[in-house]
C-alpha atoms as a PDB file:
ATOM      1  CA  MET A   1      -0.004  -0.067  -0.008  1.00  0.00           C
ATOM      2  CA  VAL A   2       1.202   3.421  -0.867  1.00  0.00           C
ATOM      3  CA  ARG A   3       1.417   5.763   1.957  1.00  0.00           C
ATOM      4  CA  LYS A   4       2.295   9.709   1.419  1.00  0.00           C
ATOM      5  CA  ILE A   5       3.774  11.483   4.330  1.00  0.00           C
ATOM      6  CA  ALA A   6       2.794  15.104   3.867  1.00  0.00           C
ATOM      7  CA  GLY A   7       5.544  16.498   6.359  1.00  0.00           C
ATOM      8  CA  ALA A   8       7.803  15.894   9.194  1.00  0.00           C
ATOM      9  CA  THR A   9       7.427  16.345  12.957  1.00  0.00           C
ATOM     10  CA  ARG A  10      10.153  18.574  14.366  1.00  0.00           C
ATOM     11  CA  ILE A  11      11.916  17.076  17.409  1.00  0.00           C
ATOM     12  CA  PRO A  12      13.359  19.547  19.847  1.00  0.00           C
ATOM     13  CA  VAL A  13      17.028  19.071  20.606  1.00  0.00           C
ATOM     14  CA  PRO A  14      19.308  21.086  22.907  1.00  0.00           C
ATOM     15  CA  GLY A  15      22.393  22.902  21.068  1.00  0.00           C
ATOM     16  CA  GLY A  16      20.680  24.591  18.153  1.00  0.00           C
ATOM     17  CA  LYS A  17      20.215  21.423  16.054  1.00  0.00           C
ATOM     18  CA  VAL A  18      17.085  20.846  14.206  1.00  0.00           C
ATOM     19  CA  ILE A  19      15.634  17.389  13.499  1.00  0.00           C
ATOM     20  CA  ASP A  20      12.525  17.006  11.000  1.00  0.00           C
ATOM     21  CA  GLU A  21      11.586  13.389  11.166  1.00  0.00           C
ATOM     22  CA  TYR A  22       9.735  12.214   8.073  1.00  0.00           C
ATOM     23  CA  VAL A  23       9.501   8.553   9.058  1.00  0.00           C
ATOM     24  CA  GLY A  24      10.196   6.964  12.335  1.00  0.00           C
ATOM     25  CA  ARG A  25       8.545   6.285  15.702  1.00  0.00           C
ATOM     26  CA  VAL A  26       7.351   9.996  16.267  1.00  0.00           C
ATOM     27  CA  ASN A  27       5.834  10.993  12.908  1.00  0.00           C
ATOM     28  CA  THR A  28       4.566   7.838  11.430  1.00  0.00           C
ATOM     29  CA  GLY A  29       4.800   5.392  14.178  1.00  0.00           C
ATOM     30  CA  ASP A  30       7.203   3.084  12.175  1.00  0.00           C
ATOM     31  CA  ASP A  31       9.757   1.179  14.439  1.00  0.00           C
ATOM     32  CA  GLN A  32      11.546  -0.499  11.663  1.00  0.00           C
ATOM     33  CA  VAL A  33      13.344   2.590  10.128  1.00  0.00           C
ATOM     34  CA  SER A  34      13.491   6.389  10.520  1.00  0.00           C
ATOM     35  CA  ILE A  35      14.465   8.969   7.985  1.00  0.00           C
ATOM     36  CA  ALA A  36      15.188  12.530   9.332  1.00  0.00           C
ATOM     37  CA  HIS A  37      16.345  15.753   7.898  1.00  0.00           C
ATOM     38  CA  MET A  38      18.920  17.578  10.257  1.00  0.00           C
ATOM     39  CA  ALA A  39      20.464  20.753  10.402  1.00  0.00           C
ATOM     40  CA  ALA A  40      23.074  21.648  12.892  1.00  0.00           C
ATOM     41  CA  PRO A  41      24.836  25.055  13.290  1.00  0.00           C
ATOM     42  CA  ALA A  42      28.547  25.690  13.405  1.00  0.00           C
ATOM     43  CA  GLY A  43      29.943  24.355  16.769  1.00  0.00           C
ATOM     44  CA  TRP A  44      27.236  21.876  17.434  1.00  0.00           C
ATOM     45  CA  GLU A  45      28.242  18.561  19.142  1.00  0.00           C
ATOM     46  CA  GLU A  46      26.710  15.705  21.148  1.00  0.00           C
ATOM     47  CA  PRO A  47      27.986  13.264  23.530  1.00  0.00           C
ATOM     48  CA  ALA A  48      29.471   9.922  22.535  1.00  0.00           C
ATOM     49  CA  GLN A  49      26.737   6.972  22.003  1.00  0.00           C
ATOM     50  CA  THR A  50      26.782   3.293  21.136  1.00  0.00           C
ATOM     51  CA  PRO A  51      23.598   2.806  19.341  1.00  0.00           C
ATOM     52  CA  GLU A  52      21.825  -0.397  18.982  1.00  0.00           C
ATOM     53  CA  PHE A  53      20.729   0.491  15.208  1.00  0.00           C
ATOM     54  CA  THR A  54      22.630   0.968  11.841  1.00  0.00           C
ATOM     55  CA  GLU A  55      22.732   4.669  10.775  1.00  0.00           C
ATOM     56  CA  TYR A  56      23.336   5.746   7.025  1.00  0.00           C
ATOM     57  CA  THR A  57      24.057   9.547   7.060  1.00  0.00           C
ATOM     58  CA  LEU A  58      24.032  11.633   3.785  1.00  0.00           C
ATOM     59  CA  VAL A  59      25.505  15.057   3.974  1.00  0.00           C
ATOM     60  CA  LEU A  60      23.898  17.705   1.938  1.00  0.00           C
ATOM     61  CA  ARG A  61      25.771  20.742   3.182  1.00  0.00           C
ATOM     62  CA  GLY A  62      28.793  21.343   5.231  1.00  0.00           C
ATOM     63  CA  THR A  63      30.817  18.812   7.094  1.00  0.00           C
ATOM     64  CA  VAL A  64      29.731  16.032   9.501  1.00  0.00           C
ATOM     65  CA  VAL A  65      32.782  14.934  11.744  1.00  0.00           C
ATOM     66  CA  VAL A  66      32.313  11.379  13.415  1.00  0.00           C
ATOM     67  CA  GLU A  67      34.765  10.236  16.136  1.00  0.00           C
ATOM     68  CA  HIS A  68      34.974   6.462  16.292  1.00  0.00           C
ATOM     69  CA  GLU A  69      37.351   3.822  17.706  1.00  0.00           C
ATOM     70  CA  GLU A  70      39.690   4.053  14.512  1.00  0.00           C
ATOM     71  CA  GLY A  71      39.925   7.826  14.580  1.00  0.00           C
ATOM     72  CA  THR A  72      37.747  10.549  12.926  1.00  0.00           C
ATOM     73  CA  THR A  73      36.070  10.846   9.835  1.00  0.00           C
ATOM     74  CA  GLU A  74      35.077  13.967   7.992  1.00  0.00           C
ATOM     75  CA  VAL A  75      31.976  13.647   5.866  1.00  0.00           C
ATOM     76  CA  ARG A  76      31.533  16.738   3.266  1.00  0.00           C
ATOM     77  CA  ALA A  77      28.512  17.323   1.189  1.00  0.00           C
ATOM     78  CA  GLY A  78      27.759  14.818  -1.316  1.00  0.00           C
ATOM     79  CA  GLU A  79      29.468  11.753   0.828  1.00  0.00           C
ATOM     80  CA  ALA A  80      27.892   9.497   3.232  1.00  0.00           C
ATOM     81  CA  ILE A  81      28.987   7.279   5.983  1.00  0.00           C
ATOM     82  CA  THR A  82      27.473   4.210   7.879  1.00  0.00           C
ATOM     83  CA  THR A  83      28.028   3.359  11.515  1.00  0.00           C
ATOM     84  CA  LEU A  84      27.125   0.038  12.842  1.00  0.00           C
ATOM     85  CA  PRO A  85      25.220  -1.299  16.032  1.00  0.00           C
ATOM     86  CA  GLY A  86      27.523  -1.301  19.071  1.00  0.00           C
ATOM     87  CA  GLU A  87      30.110   0.997  17.736  1.00  0.00           C
ATOM     88  CA  LYS A  88      30.947   3.778  19.967  1.00  0.00           C
ATOM     89  CA  ILE A  89      30.702   7.079  18.084  1.00  0.00           C
ATOM     90  CA  ARG A  90      30.535  10.893  18.589  1.00  0.00           C
ATOM     91  CA  TYR A  91      29.031  13.456  16.150  1.00  0.00           C
ATOM     92  CA  THR A  92      30.138  17.043  15.484  1.00  0.00           C
ATOM     93  CA  VAL A  93      30.102  19.400  12.799  1.00  0.00           C
ATOM     94  CA  GLY A  94      32.619  21.430  11.026  1.00  0.00           C
ATOM     95  CA  PRO A  95      32.791  25.182  11.138  1.00  0.00           C
ATOM     96  CA  GLU A  96      30.352  26.019   8.676  1.00  0.00           C
ATOM     97  CA  GLY A  97      27.680  23.764  10.277  1.00  0.00           C
ATOM     98  CA  ALA A  98      25.913  20.825   8.427  1.00  0.00           C
ATOM     99  CA  GLU A  99      22.766  19.663   6.769  1.00  0.00           C
ATOM    100  CA  TYR A 100      22.239  15.982   6.450  1.00  0.00           C
ATOM    101  CA  VAL A 101      19.634  12.967   6.107  1.00  0.00           C
ATOM    102  CA  ALA A 102      20.051  10.189   8.637  1.00  0.00           C
ATOM    103  CA  VAL A 103      18.323   6.765   8.061  1.00  0.00           C
ATOM    104  CA  CYS A 104      18.194   4.385  11.111  1.00  0.00           C
ATOM    105  CA  LEU A 105      17.646   0.769  10.901  1.00  0.00           C
ATOM    106  CA  PRO A 106      15.807  -0.011  13.159  1.00  0.00           C
ATOM    107  CA  ALA A 107      14.147   3.380  13.821  1.00  0.00           C
ATOM    108  CA  PHE A 108      15.931   5.855  16.262  1.00  0.00           C
ATOM    109  CA  SER A 109      14.938   5.899  19.780  1.00  0.00           C
ATOM    110  CA  PRO A 110      16.062   7.527  22.804  1.00  0.00           C
ATOM    111  CA  GLU A 111      16.213   4.281  24.546  1.00  0.00           C
ATOM    112  CA  THR A 112      18.485   2.655  21.894  1.00  0.00           C
ATOM    113  CA  VAL A 113      20.941   5.461  21.247  1.00  0.00           C
ATOM    114  CA  ASN A 114      22.685   4.815  24.519  1.00  0.00           C
ATOM    115  CA  ARG A 115      24.353   8.237  24.849  1.00  0.00           C
ATOM    116  CA  ASP A 116      27.045   8.913  27.358  1.00  0.00           C
ATOM    117  CA  GLU A 117      26.321  11.095  30.081  1.00  0.00           C
END
């Protein structure tokens, strides 16, 4: 069955980052996949996390910086990165901020992201 999604639900996040979820637990009730458009201002960062889901990130503008066990990877506009469940990672953005799309399998949830305090 075809299902059109008329718009996103904005999820509030500290630090000036904007998350617009199109598909996922909040906007459509899907727990198998989440698809969100993100915009983060220059200087944005979040604590390290060890998620229980695979995340595919496609950078549309700017740079997303991913810290992981092997080092640091800069993902620029037009590039993508995949992170796997159980891998400790930390996201920040470059000096110009970033705009990107994140797809999580299964869907993102605060209970399965496992952020460091």
